[in-house]
Structure formats: C-alpha cells, structure tokens
Amino acid sequence: MTVVDNYGEFLQRLDTAAASLKKRHDKLSAALAVVSIAADQNQFGLDQWTKRHARLEGLLGNKNQAPAPALKDLYGVSGNMVSVFRARSENVEARRAAVQKRVNEICRSLNSLELSKQKLTSSRRFAEERENLSKAVLGLAGTAEGFAAPTPDGGLRDDLKTAREAVLLAEALLELKENHK
C-alpha cells in the first residue's frame, strides 16, 4: 500500500504547514489587538482635542470681548495637538490595516490548506477503495494473484470489470474537477 503511505506523508506536511501558520496567526492576532487598542486611544485623543479646539475657537470668536492672550495660546496648543493626534491616528491605523491584511492572508492560507487536506483525504479513500476493488476483482476472477477457485457465473467477471471501470471514471472525474478549481 505504497500509494496510501504517500498520502500520509503529504497529509503530515499539510498539518505541519497549518500548525506553523496557526502560530503566526495567533501572534498576529495578539498584535492586532494591541494595535487596535492604540488606534482607539489615539482616535479618542484626536476627538477630544478637536472638541477643545472647536470650543476655544468659539470663545475666540466672541466679538463682545477681546480674547485673552492665554486663550490665544491655548487655542494654538490645541491646534498643534489636533495635528499631532491626527498624524498619530493615521500612522496607527495604517499599522492596524497592515497587520489585519497579514491576518487575512494567513486565514486564506489556512482555509486553502484545510481544503487541500480534505481533497487529499478524499483521494486517499478513493485509492484505498480502488485497491480493495482490485483485490476483490482479482480474487473473484480466479487469476494467479487472487483466489484460484473457478467462477460459476460467467457474467460476474464482466460485472466486476464494469464496476471497476465505473470507479476509475468517477475518480478521474473528481480529479478533473479538483484541477479545474
């Protein structure tokens, strides 16, 4: 059963690759959580400084009284802080998007590995069934490799041959479908 043993080796390779990607996925997911917290905090800071800046702008816009120099200074500081937080927020959001992109790529690869494993497992089952059917046909046909008892039913060989051909055609069809995906 050398064919089936090769399947085992390939399935092991798929499992190894999936385990490696899973570790990376877990690490990147943890990093994504940290970057998301930082992005949320920076966005909160930007929102707060934007509100302060707008409030100070409203106070400076009061035509009835002359603005205090400290109010003008505070308005300038709030404008600078809005710029600082906006730049930081954009930077952290870009990092979050990059990490999310990597996580998504790994998820797609993990899904692809799982599909490959399912296809390979299915193909392995077909190979085992084909081998079992071949053994049964050889045993019933009375060849030197199989059971040598005479077959009382002459149509049995034809029926078994037809069944074997049907299995081979079904396998070929499945392989074609897998190759065209």
Protein backbone atom coordinates (compact mmCIF):
# COMPACT_ATOMS: atom_id res chain seq x y z
CA MET A 1 0.00 0.00 0.00
CA THR A 2 2.72 2.44 -1.02
CA VAL A 3 0.25 4.86 -2.61
CA VAL A 4 -1.65 5.27 0.64
CA ASP A 5 1.62 5.76 2.56
CA ASN A 6 2.46 8.70 0.28
CA TYR A 7 -0.87 10.24 1.17
CA GLY A 8 0.08 10.04 4.83
CA GLU A 9 3.31 11.90 4.17
CA PHE A 10 1.54 14.67 2.27
CA LEU A 11 -1.17 14.95 4.90
CA GLN A 12 1.55 15.31 7.54
CA ARG A 13 3.14 18.11 5.52
CA LEU A 14 -0.20 19.90 5.32
CA ASP A 15 -0.66 19.54 9.08
CA THR A 16 2.85 20.87 9.74
CA ALA A 17 2.28 23.88 7.47
CA ALA A 18 -1.09 24.57 9.10
CA ALA A 19 0.41 24.38 12.60
CA SER A 20 3.13 26.85 11.64
CA LEU A 21 0.62 29.26 10.13
CA LYS A 22 -1.66 28.89 13.16
CA LYS A 23 1.19 30.02 15.45
CA ARG A 24 1.77 33.07 13.25
CA HIS A 25 -1.95 33.76 13.17
CA ASP A 26 -2.15 33.68 16.97
CA LYS A 27 0.81 36.05 17.35
CA LEU A 28 -0.51 38.46 14.74
CA SER A 29 -3.97 38.37 16.29
CA ALA A 30 -2.46 39.37 19.63
CA ALA A 31 -0.52 42.17 17.92
CA LEU A 32 -3.69 43.27 16.14
CA ALA A 33 -5.48 43.55 19.48
CA VAL A 34 -2.70 45.77 20.87
CA VAL A 35 -2.57 47.96 17.76
CA SER A 36 -6.37 48.25 17.80
CA ILE A 37 -6.32 49.49 21.39
CA ALA A 38 -3.65 52.05 20.47
CA ALA A 39 -5.68 53.15 17.44
CA ASP A 40 -8.82 53.54 19.53
CA GLN A 41 -6.97 55.55 22.18
CA ASN A 42 -5.40 57.83 19.58
CA GLN A 43 -8.77 58.35 17.91
CA PHE A 44 -10.27 59.22 21.30
CA GLY A 45 -7.44 61.73 21.90
CA LEU A 46 -7.99 63.25 18.46
CA ASP A 47 -11.72 63.59 19.12
CA GLN A 48 -11.10 65.26 22.50
CA TRP A 49 -8.55 67.76 21.13
CA THR A 50 -10.80 68.51 18.16
CA LYS A 51 -13.67 69.34 20.55
CA ARG A 52 -11.40 71.53 22.70
CA HIS A 53 -10.10 73.30 19.62
CA ALA A 54 -13.65 73.99 18.40
CA ARG A 55 -14.70 75.21 21.85
CA LEU A 56 -11.71 77.57 22.04
CA GLU A 57 -12.43 78.79 18.53
CA GLY A 58 -15.96 79.63 19.69
CA LEU A 59 -14.61 81.55 22.67
CA LEU A 60 -12.16 83.46 20.48
CA GLY A 61 -14.92 84.30 18.02
CA ASN A 62 -16.90 86.23 20.67
CA LYS A 63 -16.95 89.77 19.24
CA ASN A 64 -18.10 91.35 22.51
CA GLN A 65 -14.80 90.98 24.33
CA ALA A 66 -11.15 90.92 23.41
CA PRO A 67 -9.61 87.45 23.71
CA ALA A 68 -7.13 86.91 26.50
CA PRO A 69 -3.56 86.13 25.39
CA ALA A 70 -3.68 82.87 27.36
CA LEU A 71 -6.79 81.84 25.41
CA LYS A 72 -4.97 82.51 22.12
CA ASP A 73 -2.01 80.44 23.33
CA LEU A 74 -4.32 77.61 24.40
CA TYR A 75 -6.02 77.76 21.01
CA GLY A 76 -2.62 77.41 19.29
CA VAL A 77 -1.68 74.48 21.50
CA SER A 78 -5.00 72.76 20.80
CA GLY A 79 -4.45 73.19 17.05
CA ASN A 80 -1.00 71.62 17.36
CA MET A 81 -2.38 68.74 19.42
CA VAL A 82 -5.09 68.09 16.82
CA SER A 83 -2.35 67.85 14.18
CA VAL A 84 -0.22 65.56 16.35
CA PHE A 85 -3.11 63.23 17.20
CA ARG A 86 -4.35 63.18 13.59
CA ALA A 87 -0.89 62.14 12.34
CA ARG A 88 -0.54 59.52 15.08
CA SER A 89 -4.03 58.18 14.41
CA GLU A 90 -3.31 57.85 10.69
CA ASN A 91 0.01 56.10 11.42
CA VAL A 92 -1.51 53.64 13.89
CA GLU A 93 -4.47 52.97 11.57
CA ALA A 94 -2.03 52.19 8.76
CA ARG A 95 -0.25 49.72 11.04
CA ARG A 96 -3.55 48.17 12.07
CA ALA A 97 -4.54 47.77 8.40
CA ALA A 98 -1.18 46.14 7.60
CA VAL A 99 -1.48 43.65 10.47
CA GLN A 100 -5.12 42.93 9.56
CA LYS A 101 -4.05 42.28 5.97
CA ARG A 102 -1.48 39.73 7.17
CA VAL A 103 -4.04 38.05 9.42
CA ASN A 104 -6.46 37.81 6.48
CA GLU A 105 -3.74 36.34 4.23
CA ILE A 106 -2.95 33.70 6.84
CA CYS A 107 -6.66 32.89 7.25
CA ARG A 108 -6.98 32.39 3.49
CA SER A 109 -3.91 30.15 3.50
CA LEU A 110 -5.24 28.13 6.44
CA ASN A 111 -8.55 27.67 4.63
CA SER A 112 -6.72 26.62 1.49
CA LEU A 113 -4.65 24.11 3.46
CA GLU A 114 -7.80 22.69 5.04
CA LEU A 115 -9.46 22.30 1.64
CA SER A 116 -6.34 20.60 0.28
CA LYS A 117 -6.33 18.26 3.25
CA GLN A 118 -9.98 17.37 2.67
CA LYS A 119 -9.34 16.74 -1.04
CA LEU A 120 -6.26 14.65 -0.29
CA THR A 121 -8.11 12.64 2.35
CA SER A 122 -10.92 12.02 -0.12
CA SER A 123 -8.44 10.99 -2.79
CA ARG A 124 -6.78 8.68 -0.29
CA ARG A 125 -10.11 6.99 0.40
CA PHE A 126 -10.70 6.55 -3.34
CA ALA A 127 -7.26 4.98 -3.74
CA GLU A 128 -7.96 2.58 -0.88
CA GLU A 129 -11.34 1.67 -2.37
CA ARG A 130 -9.79 1.17 -5.80
CA GLU A 131 -7.15 -1.09 -4.30
CA ASN A 132 -9.78 -3.07 -2.38
CA LEU A 133 -11.89 -3.39 -5.52
CA SER A 134 -8.87 -4.57 -7.50
CA LYS A 135 -8.17 -7.21 -4.89
CA ALA A 136 -11.79 -8.31 -4.97
CA VAL A 137 -11.82 -8.48 -8.76
CA LEU A 138 -8.59 -10.47 -8.80
CA GLY A 139 -9.89 -12.79 -6.12
CA LEU A 140 -13.17 -13.41 -7.90
CA ALA A 141 -11.69 -13.61 -11.37
CA GLY A 142 -9.51 -16.55 -10.41
CA THR A 143 -6.16 -15.11 -11.53
CA ALA A 144 -2.86 -16.35 -10.26
CA GLU A 145 -2.60 -13.34 -7.92
CA GLY A 146 -6.03 -13.86 -6.45
CA PHE A 147 -8.17 -16.68 -5.25
CA ALA A 148 -7.97 -19.55 -7.77
CA ALA A 149 -11.46 -21.01 -7.33
CA PRO A 150 -13.45 -21.32 -10.55
CA THR A 151 -16.17 -18.73 -11.06
CA PRO A 152 -19.52 -20.37 -11.64
CA ASP A 153 -21.10 -17.21 -13.08
CA GLY A 154 -19.55 -16.17 -16.38
CA GLY A 155 -21.19 -12.71 -16.28
CA LEU A 156 -19.63 -11.96 -12.90
CA ARG A 157 -16.31 -11.04 -14.48
CA ASP A 158 -17.99 -8.59 -16.81
CA ASP A 159 -20.00 -7.02 -13.98
CA LEU A 160 -16.89 -6.66 -11.82
CA LYS A 161 -14.95 -5.18 -14.73
CA THR A 162 -17.76 -2.69 -15.34
CA ALA A 163 -17.82 -1.77 -11.64
CA ARG A 164 -14.06 -1.23 -11.62
CA GLU A 165 -14.25 0.95 -14.72
CA ALA A 166 -17.03 3.00 -13.11
CA VAL A 167 -14.88 3.60 -10.03
CA LEU A 168 -11.91 4.64 -12.17
CA LEU A 169 -14.09 7.01 -14.20
CA ALA A 170 -15.53 8.54 -11.02
CA GLU A 171 -12.02 9.08 -9.68
CA ALA A 172 -10.89 10.65 -12.92
CA LEU A 173 -13.89 12.97 -12.88
CA LEU A 174 -13.17 14.04 -9.30
CA GLU A 175 -9.52 14.71 -10.15
CA LEU A 176 -10.55 16.78 -13.17
CA LYS A 177 -12.93 18.81 -11.04
CA GLU A 178 -10.22 19.38 -8.42
CA ASN A 179 -7.75 20.53 -11.08
CA HIS A 180 -10.23 23.00 -12.59
CA LYS A 181 -10.98 24.79 -9.30
